[in-house]
C-alpha atoms as a PDB file:
ATOM      1  CA  MET A   1      24.018   3.605  -0.336  1.00  0.00           C
ATOM      2  CA  THR A   2      25.074   2.187   3.005  1.00  0.00           C
ATOM      3  CA  ASP A   3      22.563   3.546   5.467  1.00  0.00           C
ATOM      4  CA  ASN A   4      18.974   2.285   5.631  1.00  0.00           C
ATOM      5  CA  ASN A   5      17.668   5.806   6.218  1.00  0.00           C
ATOM      6  CA  LYS A   6      18.985   6.785   2.780  1.00  0.00           C
ATOM      7  CA  LEU A   7      17.051   4.191   0.828  1.00  0.00           C
ATOM      8  CA  PRO A   8      14.410   5.907  -1.301  1.00  0.00           C
ATOM      9  CA  LEU A   9      10.710   5.257  -0.933  1.00  0.00           C
ATOM     10  CA  VAL A  10      10.642   3.918  -4.501  1.00  0.00           C
ATOM     11  CA  LEU A  11      13.541   1.527  -4.989  1.00  0.00           C
ATOM     12  CA  GLU A  12      14.539   0.347  -8.453  1.00  0.00           C
ATOM     13  CA  PRO A  13      15.339  -3.358  -9.001  1.00  0.00           C
ATOM     14  CA  ASP A  14      18.905  -2.548 -10.089  1.00  0.00           C
ATOM     15  CA  ALA A  15      19.491  -0.751  -6.798  1.00  0.00           C
ATOM     16  CA  LEU A  16      18.157  -3.665  -4.753  1.00  0.00           C
ATOM     17  CA  GLU A  17      20.326  -6.143  -6.659  1.00  0.00           C
ATOM     18  CA  SER A  18      23.329  -3.972  -5.900  1.00  0.00           C
ATOM     19  CA  ILE A  19      22.461  -3.934  -2.192  1.00  0.00           C
ATOM     20  CA  LEU A  20      22.060  -7.713  -2.118  1.00  0.00           C
ATOM     21  CA  ALA A  21      25.379  -8.304  -3.895  1.00  0.00           C
ATOM     22  CA  SER A  22      27.715  -5.608  -2.596  1.00  0.00           C
ATOM     23  CA  ASP A  23      30.154  -6.251   0.250  1.00  0.00           C
ATOM     24  CA  ASP A  24      29.774  -2.570   1.167  1.00  0.00           C
ATOM     25  CA  SER A  25      26.094  -3.160   1.932  1.00  0.00           C
ATOM     26  CA  ALA A  26      26.549  -5.993   4.432  1.00  0.00           C
ATOM     27  CA  SER A  27      25.460  -3.943   7.444  1.00  0.00           C
ATOM     28  CA  LEU A  28      22.446  -2.652   5.540  1.00  0.00           C
ATOM     29  CA  ARG A  29      21.395  -6.154   4.492  1.00  0.00           C
ATOM     30  CA  GLU A  30      21.328  -7.190   8.141  1.00  0.00           C
ATOM     31  CA  ARG A  31      18.646  -4.579   8.771  1.00  0.00           C
ATOM     32  CA  LEU A  32      16.499  -5.411   5.740  1.00  0.00           C
ATOM     33  CA  ILE A  33      13.247  -7.329   5.773  1.00  0.00           C
ATOM     34  CA  ILE A  34      12.105  -8.054   2.222  1.00  0.00           C
ATOM     35  CA  ILE A  35       8.365  -8.691   2.124  1.00  0.00           C
ATOM     36  CA  ASP A  36       6.860 -10.736  -0.727  1.00  0.00           C
ATOM     37  CA  LEU A  37       3.076 -10.325  -0.989  1.00  0.00           C
ATOM     38  CA  CYS A  38       2.725 -12.551  -4.047  1.00  0.00           C
ATOM     39  CA  ASN A  39       0.585 -15.607  -4.575  1.00  0.00           C
ATOM     40  CA  PRO A  40       2.097 -18.395  -2.403  1.00  0.00           C
ATOM     41  CA  GLN A  41       2.413 -20.686  -5.413  1.00  0.00           C
ATOM     42  CA  LEU A  42       4.519 -18.104  -7.220  1.00  0.00           C
ATOM     43  CA  TYR A  43       6.602 -17.519  -4.088  1.00  0.00           C
ATOM     44  CA  ARG A  44       7.372 -21.227  -3.854  1.00  0.00           C
ATOM     45  CA  GLN A  45       8.600 -21.135  -7.441  1.00  0.00           C
ATOM     46  CA  VAL A  46      10.560 -17.901  -7.450  1.00  0.00           C
ATOM     47  CA  HIS A  47      11.108 -14.741  -5.426  1.00  0.00           C
ATOM     48  CA  VAL A  48      13.639 -12.065  -4.562  1.00  0.00           C
ATOM     49  CA  PRO A  49      16.521 -13.642  -2.592  1.00  0.00           C
ATOM     50  CA  GLY A  50      15.833 -13.422   1.121  1.00  0.00           C
ATOM     51  CA  ALA A  51      12.192 -12.412   0.750  1.00  0.00           C
ATOM     52  CA  ILE A  52       9.570 -13.594   3.236  1.00  0.00           C
ATOM     53  CA  ASN A  53       6.085 -14.349   1.943  1.00  0.00           C
ATOM     54  CA  VAL A  54       3.240 -12.619   3.805  1.00  0.00           C
ATOM     55  CA  GLN A  55      -0.361 -13.338   2.939  1.00  0.00           C
ATOM     56  CA  PRO A  56      -2.505 -10.210   2.576  1.00  0.00           C
ATOM     57  CA  HIS A  57      -5.331 -11.552   4.763  1.00  0.00           C
ATOM     58  CA  LEU A  58      -3.032 -11.086   7.762  1.00  0.00           C
ATOM     59  CA  MET A  59      -3.228  -7.294   7.252  1.00  0.00           C
ATOM     60  CA  VAL A  60      -7.028  -7.008   7.254  1.00  0.00           C
ATOM     61  CA  ALA A  61      -9.854  -7.608   9.702  1.00  0.00           C
ATOM     62  CA  GLY A  62     -11.680  -9.923   7.304  1.00  0.00           C
ATOM     63  CA  THR A  63     -15.130  -9.334   8.783  1.00  0.00           C
ATOM     64  CA  GLN A  64     -18.192  -8.374   6.767  1.00  0.00           C
ATOM     65  CA  PRO A  65     -19.168  -6.040   5.364  1.00  0.00           C
ATOM     66  CA  ALA A  66     -15.894  -4.083   5.516  1.00  0.00           C
ATOM     67  CA  ARG A  67     -13.375  -6.919   5.217  1.00  0.00           C
ATOM     68  CA  GLY A  68     -10.497  -4.551   4.483  1.00  0.00           C
ATOM     69  CA  LYS A  69     -10.598  -2.613   7.728  1.00  0.00           C
ATOM     70  CA  LEU A  70      -7.562  -2.485   9.971  1.00  0.00           C
ATOM     71  CA  PRO A  71      -7.452  -5.657  12.090  1.00  0.00           C
ATOM     72  CA  PRO A  72      -7.211  -5.716  15.889  1.00  0.00           C
ATOM     73  CA  ILE A  73      -3.826  -4.606  17.158  1.00  0.00           C
ATOM     74  CA  SER A  74      -3.262  -8.112  18.529  1.00  0.00           C
ATOM     75  CA  GLN A  75      -3.401  -9.455  14.955  1.00  0.00           C
ATOM     76  CA  LEU A  76      -0.837  -6.891  13.818  1.00  0.00           C
ATOM     77  CA  GLU A  77       1.397  -7.710  16.770  1.00  0.00           C
ATOM     78  CA  SER A  78       1.235 -11.384  15.843  1.00  0.00           C
ATOM     79  CA  LEU A  79       2.165 -10.616  12.229  1.00  0.00           C
ATOM     80  CA  PHE A  80       5.110  -8.385  13.067  1.00  0.00           C
ATOM     81  CA  SER A  81       6.312 -10.677  15.824  1.00  0.00           C
ATOM     82  CA  GLU A  82       6.545 -13.468  13.244  1.00  0.00           C
ATOM     83  CA  LEU A  83       8.624 -11.133  11.102  1.00  0.00           C
ATOM     84  CA  GLY A  84      11.095 -10.569  13.915  1.00  0.00           C
ATOM     85  CA  PHE A  85      10.232  -6.882  14.042  1.00  0.00           C
ATOM     86  CA  THR A  86      12.169  -4.721  16.505  1.00  0.00           C
ATOM     87  CA  GLY A  87      11.637  -1.268  14.998  1.00  0.00           C
ATOM     88  CA  GLU A  88      15.180  -0.983  13.633  1.00  0.00           C
ATOM     89  CA  GLU A  89      14.531  -2.734  10.325  1.00  0.00           C
ATOM     90  CA  HIS A  90      14.063  -1.281   6.852  1.00  0.00           C
ATOM     91  CA  PHE A  91      11.295  -3.032   4.921  1.00  0.00           C
ATOM     92  CA  ILE A  92      11.404  -3.540   1.160  1.00  0.00           C
ATOM     93  CA  VAL A  93       7.981  -4.521  -0.099  1.00  0.00           C
ATOM     94  CA  TYR A  94       6.681  -5.906  -3.392  1.00  0.00           C
ATOM     95  CA  ASP A  95       3.818  -7.939  -4.881  1.00  0.00           C
ATOM     96  CA  ASP A  96       2.762  -9.520  -8.158  1.00  0.00           C
ATOM     97  CA  GLU A  97      -0.134  -7.242  -9.101  1.00  0.00           C
ATOM     98  CA  GLY A  98       1.162  -3.749  -9.593  1.00  0.00           C
ATOM     99  CA  GLY A  99       1.487  -2.503  -6.030  1.00  0.00           C
ATOM    100  CA  GLY A 100      -1.899  -2.805  -4.306  1.00  0.00           C
ATOM    101  CA  TRP A 101      -0.938  -5.124  -1.491  1.00  0.00           C
ATOM    102  CA  ALA A 102       2.559  -3.669  -1.273  1.00  0.00           C
ATOM    103  CA  GLY A 103       1.036  -0.233  -0.758  1.00  0.00           C
ATOM    104  CA  ARG A 104      -1.356  -1.638   1.812  1.00  0.00           C
ATOM    105  CA  PHE A 105       1.614  -3.064   3.729  1.00  0.00           C
ATOM    106  CA  ILE A 106       3.378   0.301   3.602  1.00  0.00           C
ATOM    107  CA  TRP A 107       0.222   1.985   4.903  1.00  0.00           C
ATOM    108  CA  THR A 108       0.197  -0.595   7.711  1.00  0.00           C
ATOM    109  CA  LEU A 109       3.783   0.356   8.554  1.00  0.00           C
ATOM    110  CA  ASP A 110       2.676   3.992   8.746  1.00  0.00           C
ATOM    111  CA  VAL A 111      -0.210   2.918  10.977  1.00  0.00           C
ATOM    112  CA  ILE A 112       2.226   1.386  13.483  1.00  0.00           C
ATOM    113  CA  GLY A 113       4.521   4.413  13.207  1.00  0.00           C
ATOM    114  CA  HIS A 114       7.368   2.693  11.361  1.00  0.00           C
ATOM    115  CA  LYS A 115       8.812   4.939   8.633  1.00  0.00           C
ATOM    116  CA  LYS A 116      11.710   2.873   7.281  1.00  0.00           C
ATOM    117  CA  TYR A 117      10.448   1.263   4.102  1.00  0.00           C
ATOM    118  CA  SER A 118      10.783   1.117   0.322  1.00  0.00           C
ATOM    119  CA  TYR A 119       8.602  -0.123  -2.508  1.00  0.00           C
ATOM    120  CA  LEU A 120      10.319  -2.287  -5.133  1.00  0.00           C
ATOM    121  CA  ASN A 121       9.212  -0.427  -8.252  1.00  0.00           C
ATOM    122  CA  GLY A 122       7.386  -2.791 -10.600  1.00  0.00           C
ATOM    123  CA  GLY A 123       7.344  -5.576  -8.036  1.00  0.00           C
ATOM    124  CA  ILE A 124       8.091  -9.148  -9.057  1.00  0.00           C
ATOM    125  CA  HIS A 125       7.162  -8.348 -12.673  1.00  0.00           C
ATOM    126  CA  ALA A 126      10.083  -5.965 -13.098  1.00  0.00           C
ATOM    127  CA  TRP A 127      12.405  -8.120 -11.008  1.00  0.00           C
ATOM    128  CA  LEU A 128      11.899 -11.268 -13.087  1.00  0.00           C
ATOM    129  CA  LYS A 129      11.501  -9.725 -16.534  1.00  0.00           C
ATOM    130  CA  GLU A 130      14.693  -7.713 -16.111  1.00  0.00           C
ATOM    131  CA  GLY A 131      16.769 -10.753 -15.159  1.00  0.00           C
ATOM    132  CA  HIS A 132      17.596 -10.130 -11.522  1.00  0.00           C
ATOM    133  CA  PRO A 133      18.710 -12.922  -9.144  1.00  0.00           C
ATOM    134  CA  ARG A 134      16.049 -15.254  -7.836  1.00  0.00           C
ATOM    135  CA  GLU A 135      15.578 -18.101  -5.427  1.00  0.00           C
ATOM    136  CA  SER A 136      12.880 -20.624  -4.533  1.00  0.00           C
ATOM    137  CA  ARG A 137      13.611 -21.643  -0.945  1.00  0.00           C
ATOM    138  CA  ALA A 138      11.299 -20.284   1.737  1.00  0.00           C
ATOM    139  CA  ASN A 139      12.688 -17.756   4.202  1.00  0.00           C
ATOM    140  CA  GLU A 140      11.765 -17.053   7.797  1.00  0.00           C
ATOM    141  CA  ARG A 141      13.005 -14.812  10.576  1.00  0.00           C
ATOM    142  CA  THR A 142      13.409 -15.461  14.256  1.00  0.00           C
ATOM    143  CA  PRO A 143      10.209 -14.246  15.926  1.00  0.00           C
ATOM    144  CA  SER A 144      10.330 -11.299  18.305  1.00  0.00           C
ATOM    145  CA  ALA A 145       8.091  -9.938  21.015  1.00  0.00           C
ATOM    146  CA  CYS A 146       6.645  -6.620  19.933  1.00  0.00           C
ATOM    147  CA  SER A 147       4.119  -4.191  21.325  1.00  0.00           C
ATOM    148  CA  LEU A 148       2.581  -1.815  18.800  1.00  0.00           C
ATOM    149  CA  THR A 149       0.652   1.461  18.937  1.00  0.00           C
ATOM    150  CA  ILE A 150      -1.647   2.938  16.288  1.00  0.00           C
ATOM    151  CA  ASP A 151      -1.066   6.274  14.548  1.00  0.00           C
ATOM    152  CA  ASP A 152      -4.547   7.545  13.682  1.00  0.00           C
ATOM    153  CA  SER A 153      -3.185  10.372  11.536  1.00  0.00           C
ATOM    154  CA  VAL A 154      -2.969   8.102   8.470  1.00  0.00           C
ATOM    155  CA  ILE A 155      -6.448   6.610   8.956  1.00  0.00           C
ATOM    156  CA  ALA A 156      -9.721   8.166   7.816  1.00  0.00           C
ATOM    157  CA  SER A 157     -12.861   6.792   9.430  1.00  0.00           C
ATOM    158  CA  SER A 158     -16.356   7.260   8.020  1.00  0.00           C
ATOM    159  CA  ASP A 159     -17.046   9.823  10.750  1.00  0.00           C
ATOM    160  CA  PHE A 160     -13.872  11.720   9.849  1.00  0.00           C
ATOM    161  CA  ILE A 161     -14.920  11.852   6.189  1.00  0.00           C
ATOM    162  CA  LEU A 162     -18.421  13.030   7.092  1.00  0.00           C
ATOM    163  CA  GLU A 163     -16.867  15.870   9.096  1.00  0.00           C
ATOM    164  CA  THR A 164     -14.606  16.951   6.224  1.00  0.00           C
ATOM    165  CA  LEU A 165     -16.936  16.560   3.215  1.00  0.00           C
ATOM    166  CA  ASP A 166     -17.335  20.320   2.814  1.00  0.00           C
ATOM    167  CA  ASN A 167     -13.751  21.198   3.733  1.00  0.00           C
ATOM    168  CA  PRO A 168     -11.833  22.346   0.615  1.00  0.00           C
ATOM    169  CA  GLU A 169      -8.535  21.332   2.209  1.00  0.00           C
ATOM    170  CA  PHE A 170      -9.464  17.662   1.788  1.00  0.00           C
ATOM    171  CA  THR A 171      -9.747  15.662  -1.432  1.00  0.00           C
ATOM    172  CA  ILE A 172     -11.068  12.123  -1.697  1.00  0.00           C
ATOM    173  CA  TRP A 173      -9.207  10.002  -4.240  1.00  0.00           C
ATOM    174  CA  ASP A 174     -11.456   7.131  -5.313  1.00  0.00           C
ATOM    175  CA  ALA A 175      -9.262   4.372  -6.768  1.00  0.00           C
ATOM    176  CA  ARG A 176     -12.111   2.170  -8.013  1.00  0.00           C
ATOM    177  CA  SER A 177     -13.171   1.606 -11.601  1.00  0.00           C
ATOM    178  CA  PRO A 178     -15.273   4.231 -13.393  1.00  0.00           C
ATOM    179  CA  GLU A 179     -18.196   1.773 -13.387  1.00  0.00           C
ATOM    180  CA  GLU A 180     -18.073   1.449  -9.607  1.00  0.00           C
ATOM    181  CA  PHE A 181     -17.674   5.203  -9.202  1.00  0.00           C
ATOM    182  CA  SER A 182     -20.710   6.004 -11.360  1.00  0.00           C
ATOM    183  CA  GLY A 183     -22.878   3.363  -9.697  1.00  0.00           C
ATOM    184  CA  GLU A 184     -23.180   1.266 -12.848  1.00  0.00           C
ATOM    185  CA  LYS A 185     -21.404  -1.566 -11.033  1.00  0.00           C
ATOM    186  CA  VAL A 186     -22.979  -2.203  -7.633  1.00  0.00           C
ATOM    187  CA  MET A 187     -20.692  -3.538  -4.898  1.00  0.00           C
ATOM    188  CA  ALA A 188     -22.692  -2.657  -1.764  1.00  0.00           C
ATOM    189  CA  GLN A 189     -26.252  -1.832  -0.713  1.00  0.00           C
ATOM    190  CA  LYS A 190     -25.735   1.638  -2.187  1.00  0.00           C
ATOM    191  CA  ALA A 191     -24.033   2.396  -5.495  1.00  0.00           C
ATOM    192  CA  GLY A 192     -22.080   5.450  -6.535  1.00  0.00           C
ATOM    193  CA  HIS A 193     -19.399   7.450  -4.763  1.00  0.00           C
ATOM    194  CA  ILE A 194     -18.716   9.701  -1.803  1.00  0.00           C
ATOM    195  CA  PRO A 195     -19.917  13.233  -2.659  1.00  0.00           C
ATOM    196  CA  GLY A 196     -17.063  15.325  -4.019  1.00  0.00           C
ATOM    197  CA  ALA A 197     -14.747  12.364  -4.574  1.00  0.00           C
ATOM    198  CA  ILE A 198     -12.497  12.313  -7.635  1.00  0.00           C
ATOM    199  CA  ASN A 199     -12.103   9.085  -9.584  1.00  0.00           C
ATOM    200  CA  PHE A 200      -8.652   8.058 -10.792  1.00  0.00           C
ATOM    201  CA  GLU A 201      -8.518   4.280 -11.088  1.00  0.00           C
ATOM    202  CA  TRP A 202      -5.489   2.666  -9.509  1.00  0.00           C
ATOM    203  CA  ILE A 203      -4.323   0.926 -12.689  1.00  0.00           C
ATOM    204  CA  ARG A 204      -3.979   4.317 -14.372  1.00  0.00           C
ATOM    205  CA  ALA A 205      -1.088   5.048 -11.998  1.00  0.00           C
ATOM    206  CA  MET A 206       1.044   2.134 -13.228  1.00  0.00           C
ATOM    207  CA  ASP A 207       2.863   1.647 -16.511  1.00  0.00           C
ATOM    208  CA  PRO A 208       2.533  -1.850 -18.047  1.00  0.00           C
ATOM    209  CA  GLN A 209       5.099  -0.887 -20.700  1.00  0.00           C
ATOM    210  CA  LYS A 210       7.671  -0.436 -17.941  1.00  0.00           C
ATOM    211  CA  ASN A 211       6.846  -3.653 -16.085  1.00  0.00           C
ATOM    212  CA  TYR A 212       4.182  -2.010 -13.912  1.00  0.00           C
ATOM    213  CA  ARG A 213       6.373   0.677 -12.418  1.00  0.00           C
ATOM    214  CA  ILE A 214       4.701   3.799 -11.085  1.00  0.00           C
ATOM    215  CA  LYS A 215       3.805   5.827 -14.155  1.00  0.00           C
ATOM    216  CA  GLU A 216       5.703   9.004 -14.893  1.00  0.00           C
ATOM    217  CA  GLY A 217       3.951  12.335 -15.319  1.00  0.00           C
ATOM    218  CA  LEU A 218       1.230  11.634 -12.774  1.00  0.00           C
ATOM    219  CA  ILE A 219       1.472  14.965 -10.970  1.00  0.00           C
ATOM    220  CA  SER A 220       0.079  16.959 -13.882  1.00  0.00           C
ATOM    221  CA  GLU A 221      -2.529  14.305 -14.653  1.00  0.00           C
ATOM    222  CA  LEU A 222      -3.816  14.290 -11.085  1.00  0.00           C
ATOM    223  CA  ASP A 223      -3.626  18.062 -10.740  1.00  0.00           C
ATOM    224  CA  ALA A 224      -5.813  18.481 -13.815  1.00  0.00           C
ATOM    225  CA  LEU A 225      -8.481  16.393 -12.112  1.00  0.00           C
ATOM    226  CA  GLY A 226      -8.263  18.325  -8.843  1.00  0.00           C
ATOM    227  CA  ILE A 227      -6.066  15.944  -6.828  1.00  0.00           C
ATOM    228  CA  ARG A 228      -3.422  18.432  -5.715  1.00  0.00           C
ATOM    229  CA  LYS A 229      -0.369  18.284  -3.477  1.00  0.00           C
ATOM    230  CA  ASP A 230      -1.499  21.249  -1.364  1.00  0.00           C
ATOM    231  CA  GLN A 231      -4.527  19.328  -0.097  1.00  0.00           C
ATOM    232  CA  GLU A 232      -4.887  16.462   2.344  1.00  0.00           C
ATOM    233  CA  ILE A 233      -5.692  13.324   0.384  1.00  0.00           C
ATOM    234  CA  ILE A 234      -8.022  10.567   1.558  1.00  0.00           C
ATOM    235  CA  THR A 235      -7.848   7.539  -0.699  1.00  0.00           C
ATOM    236  CA  HIS A 236     -10.113   4.504  -0.804  1.00  0.00           C
ATOM    237  CA  CYS A 237     -11.459   1.758  -3.051  1.00  0.00           C
ATOM    238  CA  GLN A 238     -13.778  -1.148  -2.199  1.00  0.00           C
ATOM    239  CA  ALA A 239     -11.717  -2.650   0.624  1.00  0.00           C
ATOM    240  CA  HIS A 240      -8.492  -0.578   0.816  1.00  0.00           C
ATOM    241  CA  HIS A 241      -6.544  -2.952  -1.397  1.00  0.00           C
ATOM    242  CA  ARG A 242      -6.373  -1.050  -4.682  1.00  0.00           C
ATOM    243  CA  SER A 243      -6.099   2.169  -2.701  1.00  0.00           C
ATOM    244  CA  GLY A 244      -3.020   0.734  -1.021  1.00  0.00           C
ATOM    245  CA  PHE A 245      -1.309   1.559  -4.299  1.00  0.00           C
ATOM    246  CA  THR A 246      -2.777   5.044  -4.606  1.00  0.00           C
ATOM    247  CA  TYR A 247      -1.756   5.740  -0.993  1.00  0.00           C
ATOM    248  CA  LEU A 248       1.785   4.720  -1.920  1.00  0.00           C
ATOM    249  CA  VAL A 249       1.714   6.727  -5.155  1.00  0.00           C
ATOM    250  CA  ALA A 250       0.593   9.880  -3.361  1.00  0.00           C
ATOM    251  CA  LYS A 251       3.486   9.532  -0.924  1.00  0.00           C
ATOM    252  CA  ALA A 252       5.923   8.833  -3.756  1.00  0.00           C
ATOM    253  CA  LEU A 253       4.753  11.986  -5.556  1.00  0.00           C
ATOM    254  CA  GLY A 254       5.481  14.083  -2.499  1.00  0.00           C
ATOM    255  CA  PHE A 255       1.994  14.571  -1.086  1.00  0.00           C
ATOM    256  CA  LYS A 256       2.686  15.448   2.528  1.00  0.00           C
ATOM    257  CA  ARG A 257      -0.704  14.632   4.020  1.00  0.00           C
ATOM    258  CA  VAL A 258      -2.215  11.324   2.983  1.00  0.00           C
ATOM    259  CA  ARG A 259      -4.774   9.160   4.748  1.00  0.00           C
ATOM    260  CA  ALA A 260      -6.518   5.961   3.729  1.00  0.00           C
ATOM    261  CA  TYR A 261     -10.133   5.082   4.416  1.00  0.00           C
ATOM    262  CA  ASP A 262      -9.754   1.420   5.343  1.00  0.00           C
ATOM    263  CA  GLY A 263     -13.507   0.900   5.554  1.00  0.00           C
ATOM    264  CA  SER A 264     -13.716   2.070   1.928  1.00  0.00           C
ATOM    265  CA  TRP A 265     -16.843   1.562  -0.158  1.00  0.00           C
ATOM    266  CA  SER A 266     -17.671  -1.772   1.472  1.00  0.00           C
ATOM    267  CA  GLU A 267     -18.355   0.206   4.642  1.00  0.00           C
ATOM    268  CA  TRP A 268     -19.591   3.532   3.218  1.00  0.00           C
ATOM    269  CA  GLY A 269     -21.958   1.868   0.751  1.00  0.00           C
ATOM    270  CA  ASN A 270     -23.532  -0.228   3.483  1.00  0.00           C
ATOM    271  CA  LEU A 271     -23.972   2.390   6.202  1.00  0.00           C
ATOM    272  CA  PRO A 272     -27.512   3.775   6.450  1.00  0.00           C
ATOM    273  CA  HIS A 273     -26.551   7.415   7.092  1.00  0.00           C
ATOM    274  CA  THR A 274     -23.777   8.047   4.540  1.00  0.00           C
ATOM    275  CA  PRO A 275     -24.523  10.286   1.532  1.00  0.00           C
ATOM    276  CA  VAL A 276     -23.933   8.960  -1.979  1.00  0.00           C
ATOM    277  CA  ALA A 277     -23.524  10.699  -5.320  1.00  0.00           C
ATOM    278  CA  GLN A 278     -23.791   9.221  -8.804  1.00  0.00           C
END
């Protein structure tokens, strides 16, 4: 495993430790950017050697009502400039909560057209519980000047969803809780779900018994619900945080066409013209 293009989308902790320790991987390590999306307090205590802490608010617009929407491109350029991004790097991404923010970061990489990335399976939970090397010193990279462009093919807007509601080639994967999906738990002016959406809560896609790795056997479980690989998937939650993980999972399972609705329910449930089912 000496070429960054050969790193898998889902990278096991043992494989990353080998990369960090092996003399044969020196050239690969030079091209790696390890992104830690954990709580800053945890990062200060312990993290994967070489990892750089990124706070999730830097990836979102942060404006009401849809705080999770993609931020202005200038904000993304500032973030990736601080990371010393040139376009040649391979990102390895992890968090401390099962993959939500890590998946959101990977979606952001897709948004800027960068396809070299891996998810550390199980995140910091698996890394620490399985005894891999750790460090506590903060890491930084030399900033770069970068100019980014947006790839709309991985983004679903509310207008796009309205246009495809009756199209059988599209499936909406709602990653929220069953209570939010049914409307029992109200998180916007309107409660319920997008008509035709299928609910599969994000935590159901992770395995706590295996240190929060992506759960095995998901293909058949999703297929039984109607979330199938031959369709284009649009995933969302309340603010495209939890659905960061389901976006990642769909890609890891081999779904070829995946979009995320960054406005999510915080936008859909507050728009006056959007239909709602319960």
